[in-house]
PDBML (XML) file of the C-alpha atoms, coordinates in Angstrom:
<?xml version="1.0" encoding="UTF-8" ?>
<PDBx:datablock datablockName="MODEL"
   xmlns:PDBx="http://pdbml.pdb.org/schema/pdbx-v50.xsd"
   xmlns:xsi="http://www.w3.org/2001/XMLSchema-instance"
   xsi:schemaLocation="http://pdbml.pdb.org/schema/pdbx-v50.xsd pdbx-v50.xsd">
   <PDBx:atom_siteCategory>
      <PDBx:atom_site id="1">
         <PDBx:B_iso_or_equiv>0.00</PDBx:B_iso_or_equiv>
         <PDBx:Cartn_x>-0.306</PDBx:Cartn_x>
         <PDBx:Cartn_y>0.036</PDBx:Cartn_y>
         <PDBx:Cartn_z>0.131</PDBx:Cartn_z>
         <PDBx:auth_asym_id>A</PDBx:auth_asym_id>
         <PDBx:auth_atom_id>CA</PDBx:auth_atom_id>
         <PDBx:auth_comp_id>UNK</PDBx:auth_comp_id>
         <PDBx:auth_seq_id>1</PDBx:auth_seq_id>
         <PDBx:group_PDB>ATOM</PDBx:group_PDB>
         <PDBx:label_alt_id xsi:nil="true" />
         <PDBx:label_asym_id>A</PDBx:label_asym_id>
         <PDBx:label_atom_id>CA</PDBx:label_atom_id>
         <PDBx:label_comp_id>UNK</PDBx:label_comp_id>
         <PDBx:label_entity_id>1</PDBx:label_entity_id>
         <PDBx:label_seq_id>1</PDBx:label_seq_id>
         <PDBx:occupancy>1.00</PDBx:occupancy>
         <PDBx:pdbx_PDB_model_num>1</PDBx:pdbx_PDB_model_num>
         <PDBx:type_symbol>C</PDBx:type_symbol>
      </PDBx:atom_site>
      <PDBx:atom_site id="2">
         <PDBx:B_iso_or_equiv>0.00</PDBx:B_iso_or_equiv>
         <PDBx:Cartn_x>2.794</PDBx:Cartn_x>
         <PDBx:Cartn_y>2.487</PDBx:Cartn_y>
         <PDBx:Cartn_z>0.767</PDBx:Cartn_z>
         <PDBx:auth_asym_id>A</PDBx:auth_asym_id>
         <PDBx:auth_atom_id>CA</PDBx:auth_atom_id>
         <PDBx:auth_comp_id>UNK</PDBx:auth_comp_id>
         <PDBx:auth_seq_id>2</PDBx:auth_seq_id>
         <PDBx:group_PDB>ATOM</PDBx:group_PDB>
         <PDBx:label_alt_id xsi:nil="true" />
         <PDBx:label_asym_id>A</PDBx:label_asym_id>
         <PDBx:label_atom_id>CA</PDBx:label_atom_id>
         <PDBx:label_comp_id>UNK</PDBx:label_comp_id>
         <PDBx:label_entity_id>1</PDBx:label_entity_id>
         <PDBx:label_seq_id>2</PDBx:label_seq_id>
         <PDBx:occupancy>1.00</PDBx:occupancy>
         <PDBx:pdbx_PDB_model_num>1</PDBx:pdbx_PDB_model_num>
         <PDBx:type_symbol>C</PDBx:type_symbol>
      </PDBx:atom_site>
      <PDBx:atom_site id="3">
         <PDBx:B_iso_or_equiv>0.00</PDBx:B_iso_or_equiv>
         <PDBx:Cartn_x>4.634</PDBx:Cartn_x>
         <PDBx:Cartn_y>1.934</PDBx:Cartn_y>
         <PDBx:Cartn_z>-3.116</PDBx:Cartn_z>
         <PDBx:auth_asym_id>A</PDBx:auth_asym_id>
         <PDBx:auth_atom_id>CA</PDBx:auth_atom_id>
         <PDBx:auth_comp_id>UNK</PDBx:auth_comp_id>
         <PDBx:auth_seq_id>3</PDBx:auth_seq_id>
         <PDBx:group_PDB>ATOM</PDBx:group_PDB>
         <PDBx:label_alt_id xsi:nil="true" />
         <PDBx:label_asym_id>A</PDBx:label_asym_id>
         <PDBx:label_atom_id>CA</PDBx:label_atom_id>
         <PDBx:label_comp_id>UNK</PDBx:label_comp_id>
         <PDBx:label_entity_id>1</PDBx:label_entity_id>
         <PDBx:label_seq_id>3</PDBx:label_seq_id>
         <PDBx:occupancy>1.00</PDBx:occupancy>
         <PDBx:pdbx_PDB_model_num>1</PDBx:pdbx_PDB_model_num>
         <PDBx:type_symbol>C</PDBx:type_symbol>
      </PDBx:atom_site>
      <PDBx:atom_site id="4">
         <PDBx:B_iso_or_equiv>0.00</PDBx:B_iso_or_equiv>
         <PDBx:Cartn_x>7.140</PDBx:Cartn_x>
         <PDBx:Cartn_y>-0.587</PDBx:Cartn_y>
         <PDBx:Cartn_z>-1.723</PDBx:Cartn_z>
         <PDBx:auth_asym_id>A</PDBx:auth_asym_id>
         <PDBx:auth_atom_id>CA</PDBx:auth_atom_id>
         <PDBx:auth_comp_id>UNK</PDBx:auth_comp_id>
         <PDBx:auth_seq_id>4</PDBx:auth_seq_id>
         <PDBx:group_PDB>ATOM</PDBx:group_PDB>
         <PDBx:label_alt_id xsi:nil="true" />
         <PDBx:label_asym_id>A</PDBx:label_asym_id>
         <PDBx:label_atom_id>CA</PDBx:label_atom_id>
         <PDBx:label_comp_id>UNK</PDBx:label_comp_id>
         <PDBx:label_entity_id>1</PDBx:label_entity_id>
         <PDBx:label_seq_id>4</PDBx:label_seq_id>
         <PDBx:occupancy>1.00</PDBx:occupancy>
         <PDBx:pdbx_PDB_model_num>1</PDBx:pdbx_PDB_model_num>
         <PDBx:type_symbol>C</PDBx:type_symbol>
      </PDBx:atom_site>
      <PDBx:atom_site id="5">
         <PDBx:B_iso_or_equiv>0.00</PDBx:B_iso_or_equiv>
         <PDBx:Cartn_x>7.353</PDBx:Cartn_x>
         <PDBx:Cartn_y>-4.283</PDBx:Cartn_y>
         <PDBx:Cartn_z>-2.819</PDBx:Cartn_z>
         <PDBx:auth_asym_id>A</PDBx:auth_asym_id>
         <PDBx:auth_atom_id>CA</PDBx:auth_atom_id>
         <PDBx:auth_comp_id>UNK</PDBx:auth_comp_id>
         <PDBx:auth_seq_id>5</PDBx:auth_seq_id>
         <PDBx:group_PDB>ATOM</PDBx:group_PDB>
         <PDBx:label_alt_id xsi:nil="true" />
         <PDBx:label_asym_id>A</PDBx:label_asym_id>
         <PDBx:label_atom_id>CA</PDBx:label_atom_id>
         <PDBx:label_comp_id>UNK</PDBx:label_comp_id>
         <PDBx:label_entity_id>1</PDBx:label_entity_id>
         <PDBx:label_seq_id>5</PDBx:label_seq_id>
         <PDBx:occupancy>1.00</PDBx:occupancy>
         <PDBx:pdbx_PDB_model_num>1</PDBx:pdbx_PDB_model_num>
         <PDBx:type_symbol>C</PDBx:type_symbol>
      </PDBx:atom_site>
      <PDBx:atom_site id="6">
         <PDBx:B_iso_or_equiv>0.00</PDBx:B_iso_or_equiv>
         <PDBx:Cartn_x>6.375</PDBx:Cartn_x>
         <PDBx:Cartn_y>-6.797</PDBx:Cartn_y>
         <PDBx:Cartn_z>-0.898</PDBx:Cartn_z>
         <PDBx:auth_asym_id>A</PDBx:auth_asym_id>
         <PDBx:auth_atom_id>CA</PDBx:auth_atom_id>
         <PDBx:auth_comp_id>UNK</PDBx:auth_comp_id>
         <PDBx:auth_seq_id>6</PDBx:auth_seq_id>
         <PDBx:group_PDB>ATOM</PDBx:group_PDB>
         <PDBx:label_alt_id xsi:nil="true" />
         <PDBx:label_asym_id>A</PDBx:label_asym_id>
         <PDBx:label_atom_id>CA</PDBx:label_atom_id>
         <PDBx:label_comp_id>UNK</PDBx:label_comp_id>
         <PDBx:label_entity_id>1</PDBx:label_entity_id>
         <PDBx:label_seq_id>6</PDBx:label_seq_id>
         <PDBx:occupancy>1.00</PDBx:occupancy>
         <PDBx:pdbx_PDB_model_num>1</PDBx:pdbx_PDB_model_num>
         <PDBx:type_symbol>C</PDBx:type_symbol>
      </PDBx:atom_site>
      <PDBx:atom_site id="7">
         <PDBx:B_iso_or_equiv>0.00</PDBx:B_iso_or_equiv>
         <PDBx:Cartn_x>7.696</PDBx:Cartn_x>
         <PDBx:Cartn_y>-9.517</PDBx:Cartn_y>
         <PDBx:Cartn_z>-3.118</PDBx:Cartn_z>
         <PDBx:auth_asym_id>A</PDBx:auth_asym_id>
         <PDBx:auth_atom_id>CA</PDBx:auth_atom_id>
         <PDBx:auth_comp_id>UNK</PDBx:auth_comp_id>
         <PDBx:auth_seq_id>7</PDBx:auth_seq_id>
         <PDBx:group_PDB>ATOM</PDBx:group_PDB>
         <PDBx:label_alt_id xsi:nil="true" />
         <PDBx:label_asym_id>A</PDBx:label_asym_id>
         <PDBx:label_atom_id>CA</PDBx:label_atom_id>
         <PDBx:label_comp_id>UNK</PDBx:label_comp_id>
         <PDBx:label_entity_id>1</PDBx:label_entity_id>
         <PDBx:label_seq_id>7</PDBx:label_seq_id>
         <PDBx:occupancy>1.00</PDBx:occupancy>
         <PDBx:pdbx_PDB_model_num>1</PDBx:pdbx_PDB_model_num>
         <PDBx:type_symbol>C</PDBx:type_symbol>
      </PDBx:atom_site>
      <PDBx:atom_site id="8">
         <PDBx:B_iso_or_equiv>0.00</PDBx:B_iso_or_equiv>
         <PDBx:Cartn_x>10.127</PDBx:Cartn_x>
         <PDBx:Cartn_y>-9.926</PDBx:Cartn_y>
         <PDBx:Cartn_z>-6.143</PDBx:Cartn_z>
         <PDBx:auth_asym_id>A</PDBx:auth_asym_id>
         <PDBx:auth_atom_id>CA</PDBx:auth_atom_id>
         <PDBx:auth_comp_id>UNK</PDBx:auth_comp_id>
         <PDBx:auth_seq_id>8</PDBx:auth_seq_id>
         <PDBx:group_PDB>ATOM</PDBx:group_PDB>
         <PDBx:label_alt_id xsi:nil="true" />
         <PDBx:label_asym_id>A</PDBx:label_asym_id>
         <PDBx:label_atom_id>CA</PDBx:label_atom_id>
         <PDBx:label_comp_id>UNK</PDBx:label_comp_id>
         <PDBx:label_entity_id>1</PDBx:label_entity_id>
         <PDBx:label_seq_id>8</PDBx:label_seq_id>
         <PDBx:occupancy>1.00</PDBx:occupancy>
         <PDBx:pdbx_PDB_model_num>1</PDBx:pdbx_PDB_model_num>
         <PDBx:type_symbol>C</PDBx:type_symbol>
      </PDBx:atom_site>
      <PDBx:atom_site id="9">
         <PDBx:B_iso_or_equiv>0.00</PDBx:B_iso_or_equiv>
         <PDBx:Cartn_x>10.666</PDBx:Cartn_x>
         <PDBx:Cartn_y>-13.608</PDBx:Cartn_y>
         <PDBx:Cartn_z>-6.898</PDBx:Cartn_z>
         <PDBx:auth_asym_id>A</PDBx:auth_asym_id>
         <PDBx:auth_atom_id>CA</PDBx:auth_atom_id>
         <PDBx:auth_comp_id>UNK</PDBx:auth_comp_id>
         <PDBx:auth_seq_id>9</PDBx:auth_seq_id>
         <PDBx:group_PDB>ATOM</PDBx:group_PDB>
         <PDBx:label_alt_id xsi:nil="true" />
         <PDBx:label_asym_id>A</PDBx:label_asym_id>
         <PDBx:label_atom_id>CA</PDBx:label_atom_id>
         <PDBx:label_comp_id>UNK</PDBx:label_comp_id>
         <PDBx:label_entity_id>1</PDBx:label_entity_id>
         <PDBx:label_seq_id>9</PDBx:label_seq_id>
         <PDBx:occupancy>1.00</PDBx:occupancy>
         <PDBx:pdbx_PDB_model_num>1</PDBx:pdbx_PDB_model_num>
         <PDBx:type_symbol>C</PDBx:type_symbol>
      </PDBx:atom_site>
      <PDBx:atom_site id="10">
         <PDBx:B_iso_or_equiv>0.00</PDBx:B_iso_or_equiv>
         <PDBx:Cartn_x>12.155</PDBx:Cartn_x>
         <PDBx:Cartn_y>-15.239</PDBx:Cartn_y>
         <PDBx:Cartn_z>-9.951</PDBx:Cartn_z>
         <PDBx:auth_asym_id>A</PDBx:auth_asym_id>
         <PDBx:auth_atom_id>CA</PDBx:auth_atom_id>
         <PDBx:auth_comp_id>UNK</PDBx:auth_comp_id>
         <PDBx:auth_seq_id>10</PDBx:auth_seq_id>
         <PDBx:group_PDB>ATOM</PDBx:group_PDB>
         <PDBx:label_alt_id xsi:nil="true" />
         <PDBx:label_asym_id>A</PDBx:label_asym_id>
         <PDBx:label_atom_id>CA</PDBx:label_atom_id>
         <PDBx:label_comp_id>UNK</PDBx:label_comp_id>
         <PDBx:label_entity_id>1</PDBx:label_entity_id>
         <PDBx:label_seq_id>10</PDBx:label_seq_id>
         <PDBx:occupancy>1.00</PDBx:occupancy>
         <PDBx:pdbx_PDB_model_num>1</PDBx:pdbx_PDB_model_num>
         <PDBx:type_symbol>C</PDBx:type_symbol>
      </PDBx:atom_site>
      <PDBx:atom_site id="11">
         <PDBx:B_iso_or_equiv>0.00</PDBx:B_iso_or_equiv>
         <PDBx:Cartn_x>9.163</PDBx:Cartn_x>
         <PDBx:Cartn_y>-16.848</PDBx:Cartn_y>
         <PDBx:Cartn_z>-12.120</PDBx:Cartn_z>
         <PDBx:auth_asym_id>A</PDBx:auth_asym_id>
         <PDBx:auth_atom_id>CA</PDBx:auth_atom_id>
         <PDBx:auth_comp_id>UNK</PDBx:auth_comp_id>
         <PDBx:auth_seq_id>11</PDBx:auth_seq_id>
         <PDBx:group_PDB>ATOM</PDBx:group_PDB>
         <PDBx:label_alt_id xsi:nil="true" />
         <PDBx:label_asym_id>A</PDBx:label_asym_id>
         <PDBx:label_atom_id>CA</PDBx:label_atom_id>
         <PDBx:label_comp_id>UNK</PDBx:label_comp_id>
         <PDBx:label_entity_id>1</PDBx:label_entity_id>
         <PDBx:label_seq_id>11</PDBx:label_seq_id>
         <PDBx:occupancy>1.00</PDBx:occupancy>
         <PDBx:pdbx_PDB_model_num>1</PDBx:pdbx_PDB_model_num>
         <PDBx:type_symbol>C</PDBx:type_symbol>
      </PDBx:atom_site>
      <PDBx:atom_site id="12">
         <PDBx:B_iso_or_equiv>0.00</PDBx:B_iso_or_equiv>
         <PDBx:Cartn_x>9.332</PDBx:Cartn_x>
         <PDBx:Cartn_y>-18.987</PDBx:Cartn_y>
         <PDBx:Cartn_z>-14.531</PDBx:Cartn_z>
         <PDBx:auth_asym_id>A</PDBx:auth_asym_id>
         <PDBx:auth_atom_id>CA</PDBx:auth_atom_id>
         <PDBx:auth_comp_id>UNK</PDBx:auth_comp_id>
         <PDBx:auth_seq_id>12</PDBx:auth_seq_id>
         <PDBx:group_PDB>ATOM</PDBx:group_PDB>
         <PDBx:label_alt_id xsi:nil="true" />
         <PDBx:label_asym_id>A</PDBx:label_asym_id>
         <PDBx:label_atom_id>CA</PDBx:label_atom_id>
         <PDBx:label_comp_id>UNK</PDBx:label_comp_id>
         <PDBx:label_entity_id>1</PDBx:label_entity_id>
         <PDBx:label_seq_id>12</PDBx:label_seq_id>
         <PDBx:occupancy>1.00</PDBx:occupancy>
         <PDBx:pdbx_PDB_model_num>1</PDBx:pdbx_PDB_model_num>
         <PDBx:type_symbol>C</PDBx:type_symbol>
      </PDBx:atom_site>
      <PDBx:atom_site id="13">
         <PDBx:B_iso_or_equiv>0.00</PDBx:B_iso_or_equiv>
         <PDBx:Cartn_x>5.503</PDBx:Cartn_x>
         <PDBx:Cartn_y>-19.891</PDBx:Cartn_y>
         <PDBx:Cartn_z>-14.848</PDBx:Cartn_z>
         <PDBx:auth_asym_id>A</PDBx:auth_asym_id>
         <PDBx:auth_atom_id>CA</PDBx:auth_atom_id>
         <PDBx:auth_comp_id>UNK</PDBx:auth_comp_id>
         <PDBx:auth_seq_id>13</PDBx:auth_seq_id>
         <PDBx:group_PDB>ATOM</PDBx:group_PDB>
         <PDBx:label_alt_id xsi:nil="true" />
         <PDBx:label_asym_id>A</PDBx:label_asym_id>
         <PDBx:label_atom_id>CA</PDBx:label_atom_id>
         <PDBx:label_comp_id>UNK</PDBx:label_comp_id>
         <PDBx:label_entity_id>1</PDBx:label_entity_id>
         <PDBx:label_seq_id>13</PDBx:label_seq_id>
         <PDBx:occupancy>1.00</PDBx:occupancy>
         <PDBx:pdbx_PDB_model_num>1</PDBx:pdbx_PDB_model_num>
         <PDBx:type_symbol>C</PDBx:type_symbol>
      </PDBx:atom_site>
      <PDBx:atom_site id="14">
         <PDBx:B_iso_or_equiv>0.00</PDBx:B_iso_or_equiv>
         <PDBx:Cartn_x>3.431</PDBx:Cartn_x>
         <PDBx:Cartn_y>-18.468</PDBx:Cartn_y>
         <PDBx:Cartn_z>-17.468</PDBx:Cartn_z>
         <PDBx:auth_asym_id>A</PDBx:auth_asym_id>
         <PDBx:auth_atom_id>CA</PDBx:auth_atom_id>
         <PDBx:auth_comp_id>UNK</PDBx:auth_comp_id>
         <PDBx:auth_seq_id>14</PDBx:auth_seq_id>
         <PDBx:group_PDB>ATOM</PDBx:group_PDB>
         <PDBx:label_alt_id xsi:nil="true" />
         <PDBx:label_asym_id>A</PDBx:label_asym_id>
         <PDBx:label_atom_id>CA</PDBx:label_atom_id>
         <PDBx:label_comp_id>UNK</PDBx:label_comp_id>
         <PDBx:label_entity_id>1</PDBx:label_entity_id>
         <PDBx:label_seq_id>14</PDBx:label_seq_id>
         <PDBx:occupancy>1.00</PDBx:occupancy>
         <PDBx:pdbx_PDB_model_num>1</PDBx:pdbx_PDB_model_num>
         <PDBx:type_symbol>C</PDBx:type_symbol>
      </PDBx:atom_site>
      <PDBx:atom_site id="15">
         <PDBx:B_iso_or_equiv>0.00</PDBx:B_iso_or_equiv>
         <PDBx:Cartn_x>2.572</PDBx:Cartn_x>
         <PDBx:Cartn_y>-15.147</PDBx:Cartn_y>
         <PDBx:Cartn_z>-16.538</PDBx:Cartn_z>
         <PDBx:auth_asym_id>A</PDBx:auth_asym_id>
         <PDBx:auth_atom_id>CA</PDBx:auth_atom_id>
         <PDBx:auth_comp_id>UNK</PDBx:auth_comp_id>
         <PDBx:auth_seq_id>15</PDBx:auth_seq_id>
         <PDBx:group_PDB>ATOM</PDBx:group_PDB>
         <PDBx:label_alt_id xsi:nil="true" />
         <PDBx:label_asym_id>A</PDBx:label_asym_id>
         <PDBx:label_atom_id>CA</PDBx:label_atom_id>
         <PDBx:label_comp_id>UNK</PDBx:label_comp_id>
         <PDBx:label_entity_id>1</PDBx:label_entity_id>
         <PDBx:label_seq_id>15</PDBx:label_seq_id>
         <PDBx:occupancy>1.00</PDBx:occupancy>
         <PDBx:pdbx_PDB_model_num>1</PDBx:pdbx_PDB_model_num>
         <PDBx:type_symbol>C</PDBx:type_symbol>
      </PDBx:atom_site>
      <PDBx:atom_site id="16">
         <PDBx:B_iso_or_equiv>0.00</PDBx:B_iso_or_equiv>
         <PDBx:Cartn_x>-1.250</PDBx:Cartn_x>
         <PDBx:Cartn_y>-15.524</PDBx:Cartn_y>
         <PDBx:Cartn_z>-18.243</PDBx:Cartn_z>
         <PDBx:auth_asym_id>A</PDBx:auth_asym_id>
         <PDBx:auth_atom_id>CA</PDBx:auth_atom_id>
         <PDBx:auth_comp_id>UNK</PDBx:auth_comp_id>
         <PDBx:auth_seq_id>16</PDBx:auth_seq_id>
         <PDBx:group_PDB>ATOM</PDBx:group_PDB>
         <PDBx:label_alt_id xsi:nil="true" />
         <PDBx:label_asym_id>A</PDBx:label_asym_id>
         <PDBx:label_atom_id>CA</PDBx:label_atom_id>
         <PDBx:label_comp_id>UNK</PDBx:label_comp_id>
         <PDBx:label_entity_id>1</PDBx:label_entity_id>
         <PDBx:label_seq_id>16</PDBx:label_seq_id>
         <PDBx:occupancy>1.00</PDBx:occupancy>
         <PDBx:pdbx_PDB_model_num>1</PDBx:pdbx_PDB_model_num>
         <PDBx:type_symbol>C</PDBx:type_symbol>
      </PDBx:atom_site>
      <PDBx:atom_site id="17">
         <PDBx:B_iso_or_equiv>0.00</PDBx:B_iso_or_equiv>
         <PDBx:Cartn_x>-1.759</PDBx:Cartn_x>
         <PDBx:Cartn_y>-18.283</PDBx:Cartn_y>
         <PDBx:Cartn_z>-16.022</PDBx:Cartn_z>
         <PDBx:auth_asym_id>A</PDBx:auth_asym_id>
         <PDBx:auth_atom_id>CA</PDBx:auth_atom_id>
         <PDBx:auth_comp_id>UNK</PDBx:auth_comp_id>
         <PDBx:auth_seq_id>17</PDBx:auth_seq_id>
         <PDBx:group_PDB>ATOM</PDBx:group_PDB>
         <PDBx:label_alt_id xsi:nil="true" />
         <PDBx:label_asym_id>A</PDBx:label_asym_id>
         <PDBx:label_atom_id>CA</PDBx:label_atom_id>
         <PDBx:label_comp_id>UNK</PDBx:label_comp_id>
         <PDBx:label_entity_id>1</PDBx:label_entity_id>
         <PDBx:label_seq_id>17</PDBx:label_seq_id>
         <PDBx:occupancy>1.00</PDBx:occupancy>
         <PDBx:pdbx_PDB_model_num>1</PDBx:pdbx_PDB_model_num>
         <PDBx:type_symbol>C</PDBx:type_symbol>
      </PDBx:atom_site>
      <PDBx:atom_site id="18">
         <PDBx:B_iso_or_equiv>0.00</PDBx:B_iso_or_equiv>
         <PDBx:Cartn_x>-0.217</PDBx:Cartn_x>
         <PDBx:Cartn_y>-15.946</PDBx:Cartn_y>
         <PDBx:Cartn_z>-13.193</PDBx:Cartn_z>
         <PDBx:auth_asym_id>A</PDBx:auth_asym_id>
         <PDBx:auth_atom_id>CA</PDBx:auth_atom_id>
         <PDBx:auth_comp_id>UNK</PDBx:auth_comp_id>
         <PDBx:auth_seq_id>18</PDBx:auth_seq_id>
         <PDBx:group_PDB>ATOM</PDBx:group_PDB>
         <PDBx:label_alt_id xsi:nil="true" />
         <PDBx:label_asym_id>A</PDBx:label_asym_id>
         <PDBx:label_atom_id>CA</PDBx:label_atom_id>
         <PDBx:label_comp_id>UNK</PDBx:label_comp_id>
         <PDBx:label_entity_id>1</PDBx:label_entity_id>
         <PDBx:label_seq_id>18</PDBx:label_seq_id>
         <PDBx:occupancy>1.00</PDBx:occupancy>
         <PDBx:pdbx_PDB_model_num>1</PDBx:pdbx_PDB_model_num>
         <PDBx:type_symbol>C</PDBx:type_symbol>
      </PDBx:atom_site>
      <PDBx:atom_site id="19">
         <PDBx:B_iso_or_equiv>0.00</PDBx:B_iso_or_equiv>
         <PDBx:Cartn_x>-2.311</PDBx:Cartn_x>
         <PDBx:Cartn_y>-13.467</PDBx:Cartn_y>
         <PDBx:Cartn_z>-13.779</PDBx:Cartn_z>
         <PDBx:auth_asym_id>A</PDBx:auth_asym_id>
         <PDBx:auth_atom_id>CA</PDBx:auth_atom_id>
         <PDBx:auth_comp_id>UNK</PDBx:auth_comp_id>
         <PDBx:auth_seq_id>19</PDBx:auth_seq_id>
         <PDBx:group_PDB>ATOM</PDBx:group_PDB>
         <PDBx:label_alt_id xsi:nil="true" />
         <PDBx:label_asym_id>A</PDBx:label_asym_id>
         <PDBx:label_atom_id>CA</PDBx:label_atom_id>
         <PDBx:label_comp_id>UNK</PDBx:label_comp_id>
         <PDBx:label_entity_id>1</PDBx:label_entity_id>
         <PDBx:label_seq_id>19</PDBx:label_seq_id>
         <PDBx:occupancy>1.00</PDBx:occupancy>
         <PDBx:pdbx_PDB_model_num>1</PDBx:pdbx_PDB_model_num>
         <PDBx:type_symbol>C</PDBx:type_symbol>
      </PDBx:atom_site>
      <PDBx:atom_site id="20">
         <PDBx:B_iso_or_equiv>0.00</PDBx:B_iso_or_equiv>
         <PDBx:Cartn_x>-5.111</PDBx:Cartn_x>
         <PDBx:Cartn_y>-15.737</PDBx:Cartn_y>
         <PDBx:Cartn_z>-14.516</PDBx:Cartn_z>
         <PDBx:auth_asym_id>A</PDBx:auth_asym_id>
         <PDBx:auth_atom_id>CA</PDBx:auth_atom_id>
         <PDBx:auth_comp_id>UNK</PDBx:auth_comp_id>
         <PDBx:auth_seq_id>20</PDBx:auth_seq_id>
         <PDBx:group_PDB>ATOM</PDBx:group_PDB>
         <PDBx:label_alt_id xsi:nil="true" />
         <PDBx:label_asym_id>A</PDBx:label_asym_id>
         <PDBx:label_atom_id>CA</PDBx:label_atom_id>
         <PDBx:label_comp_id>UNK</PDBx:label_comp_id>
         <PDBx:label_entity_id>1</PDBx:label_entity_id>
         <PDBx:label_seq_id>20</PDBx:label_seq_id>
         <PDBx:occupancy>1.00</PDBx:occupancy>
         <PDBx:pdbx_PDB_model_num>1</PDBx:pdbx_PDB_model_num>
         <PDBx:type_symbol>C</PDBx:type_symbol>
      </PDBx:atom_site>
      <PDBx:atom_site id="21">
         <PDBx:B_iso_or_equiv>0.00</PDBx:B_iso_or_equiv>
         <PDBx:Cartn_x>-5.172</PDBx:Cartn_x>
         <PDBx:Cartn_y>-16.903</PDBx:Cartn_y>
         <PDBx:Cartn_z>-10.323</PDBx:Cartn_z>
         <PDBx:auth_asym_id>A</PDBx:auth_asym_id>
         <PDBx:auth_atom_id>CA</PDBx:auth_atom_id>
         <PDBx:auth_comp_id>UNK</PDBx:auth_comp_id>
         <PDBx:auth_seq_id>21</PDBx:auth_seq_id>
         <PDBx:group_PDB>ATOM</PDBx:group_PDB>
         <PDBx:label_alt_id xsi:nil="true" />
         <PDBx:label_asym_id>A</PDBx:label_asym_id>
         <PDBx:label_atom_id>CA</PDBx:label_atom_id>
         <PDBx:label_comp_id>UNK</PDBx:label_comp_id>
         <PDBx:label_entity_id>1</PDBx:label_entity_id>
         <PDBx:label_seq_id>21</PDBx:label_seq_id>
         <PDBx:occupancy>1.00</PDBx:occupancy>
         <PDBx:pdbx_PDB_model_num>1</PDBx:pdbx_PDB_model_num>
         <PDBx:type_symbol>C</PDBx:type_symbol>
      </PDBx:atom_site>
      <PDBx:atom_site id="22">
         <PDBx:B_iso_or_equiv>0.00</PDBx:B_iso_or_equiv>
         <PDBx:Cartn_x>-4.921</PDBx:Cartn_x>
         <PDBx:Cartn_y>-13.262</PDBx:Cartn_y>
         <PDBx:Cartn_z>-9.058</PDBx:Cartn_z>
         <PDBx:auth_asym_id>A</PDBx:auth_asym_id>
         <PDBx:auth_atom_id>CA</PDBx:auth_atom_id>
         <PDBx:auth_comp_id>UNK</PDBx:auth_comp_id>
         <PDBx:auth_seq_id>22</PDBx:auth_seq_id>
         <PDBx:group_PDB>ATOM</PDBx:group_PDB>
         <PDBx:label_alt_id xsi:nil="true" />
         <PDBx:label_asym_id>A</PDBx:label_asym_id>
         <PDBx:label_atom_id>CA</PDBx:label_atom_id>
         <PDBx:label_comp_id>UNK</PDBx:label_comp_id>
         <PDBx:label_entity_id>1</PDBx:label_entity_id>
         <PDBx:label_seq_id>22</PDBx:label_seq_id>
         <PDBx:occupancy>1.00</PDBx:occupancy>
         <PDBx:pdbx_PDB_model_num>1</PDBx:pdbx_PDB_model_num>
         <PDBx:type_symbol>C</PDBx:type_symbol>
      </PDBx:atom_site>
      <PDBx:atom_site id="23">
         <PDBx:B_iso_or_equiv>0.00</PDBx:B_iso_or_equiv>
         <PDBx:Cartn_x>-8.084</PDBx:Cartn_x>
         <PDBx:Cartn_y>-12.447</PDBx:Cartn_y>
         <PDBx:Cartn_z>-10.758</PDBx:Cartn_z>
         <PDBx:auth_asym_id>A</PDBx:auth_asym_id>
         <PDBx:auth_atom_id>CA</PDBx:auth_atom_id>
         <PDBx:auth_comp_id>UNK</PDBx:auth_comp_id>
         <PDBx:auth_seq_id>23</PDBx:auth_seq_id>
         <PDBx:group_PDB>ATOM</PDBx:group_PDB>
         <PDBx:label_alt_id xsi:nil="true" />
         <PDBx:label_asym_id>A</PDBx:label_asym_id>
         <PDBx:label_atom_id>CA</PDBx:label_atom_id>
         <PDBx:label_comp_id>UNK</PDBx:label_comp_id>
         <PDBx:label_entity_id>1</PDBx:label_entity_id>
         <PDBx:label_seq_id>23</PDBx:label_seq_id>
         <PDBx:occupancy>1.00</PDBx:occupancy>
         <PDBx:pdbx_PDB_model_num>1</PDBx:pdbx_PDB_model_num>
         <PDBx:type_symbol>C</PDBx:type_symbol>
      </PDBx:atom_site>
      <PDBx:atom_site id="24">
         <PDBx:B_iso_or_equiv>0.00</PDBx:B_iso_or_equiv>
         <PDBx:Cartn_x>-10.185</PDBx:Cartn_x>
         <PDBx:Cartn_y>-15.231</PDBx:Cartn_y>
         <PDBx:Cartn_z>-10.843</PDBx:Cartn_z>
         <PDBx:auth_asym_id>A</PDBx:auth_asym_id>
         <PDBx:auth_atom_id>CA</PDBx:auth_atom_id>
         <PDBx:auth_comp_id>UNK</PDBx:auth_comp_id>
         <PDBx:auth_seq_id>24</PDBx:auth_seq_id>
         <PDBx:group_PDB>ATOM</PDBx:group_PDB>
         <PDBx:label_alt_id xsi:nil="true" />
         <PDBx:label_asym_id>A</PDBx:label_asym_id>
         <PDBx:label_atom_id>CA</PDBx:label_atom_id>
         <PDBx:label_comp_id>UNK</PDBx:label_comp_id>
         <PDBx:label_entity_id>1</PDBx:label_entity_id>
         <PDBx:label_seq_id>24</PDBx:label_seq_id>
         <PDBx:occupancy>1.00</PDBx:occupancy>
         <PDBx:pdbx_PDB_model_num>1</PDBx:pdbx_PDB_model_num>
         <PDBx:type_symbol>C</PDBx:type_symbol>
      </PDBx:atom_site>
      <PDBx:atom_site id="25">
         <PDBx:B_iso_or_equiv>0.00</PDBx:B_iso_or_equiv>
         <PDBx:Cartn_x>-9.763</PDBx:Cartn_x>
         <PDBx:Cartn_y>-14.578</PDBx:Cartn_y>
         <PDBx:Cartn_z>-6.796</PDBx:Cartn_z>
         <PDBx:auth_asym_id>A</PDBx:auth_asym_id>
         <PDBx:auth_atom_id>CA</PDBx:auth_atom_id>
         <PDBx:auth_comp_id>UNK</PDBx:auth_comp_id>
         <PDBx:auth_seq_id>25</PDBx:auth_seq_id>
         <PDBx:group_PDB>ATOM</PDBx:group_PDB>
         <PDBx:label_alt_id xsi:nil="true" />
         <PDBx:label_asym_id>A</PDBx:label_asym_id>
         <PDBx:label_atom_id>CA</PDBx:label_atom_id>
         <PDBx:label_comp_id>UNK</PDBx:label_comp_id>
         <PDBx:label_entity_id>1</PDBx:label_entity_id>
         <PDBx:label_seq_id>25</PDBx:label_seq_id>
         <PDBx:occupancy>1.00</PDBx:occupancy>
         <PDBx:pdbx_PDB_model_num>1</PDBx:pdbx_PDB_model_num>
         <PDBx:type_symbol>C</PDBx:type_symbol>
      </PDBx:atom_site>
   </PDBx:atom_siteCategory>
</PDBx:datablock>
């Protein structure tokens, strides 16, 4: 909420699949 980054993790997953997991919830 303050504009900081809580996480910045290496991600070899499909960006579209990750986006869908967040959006559906």
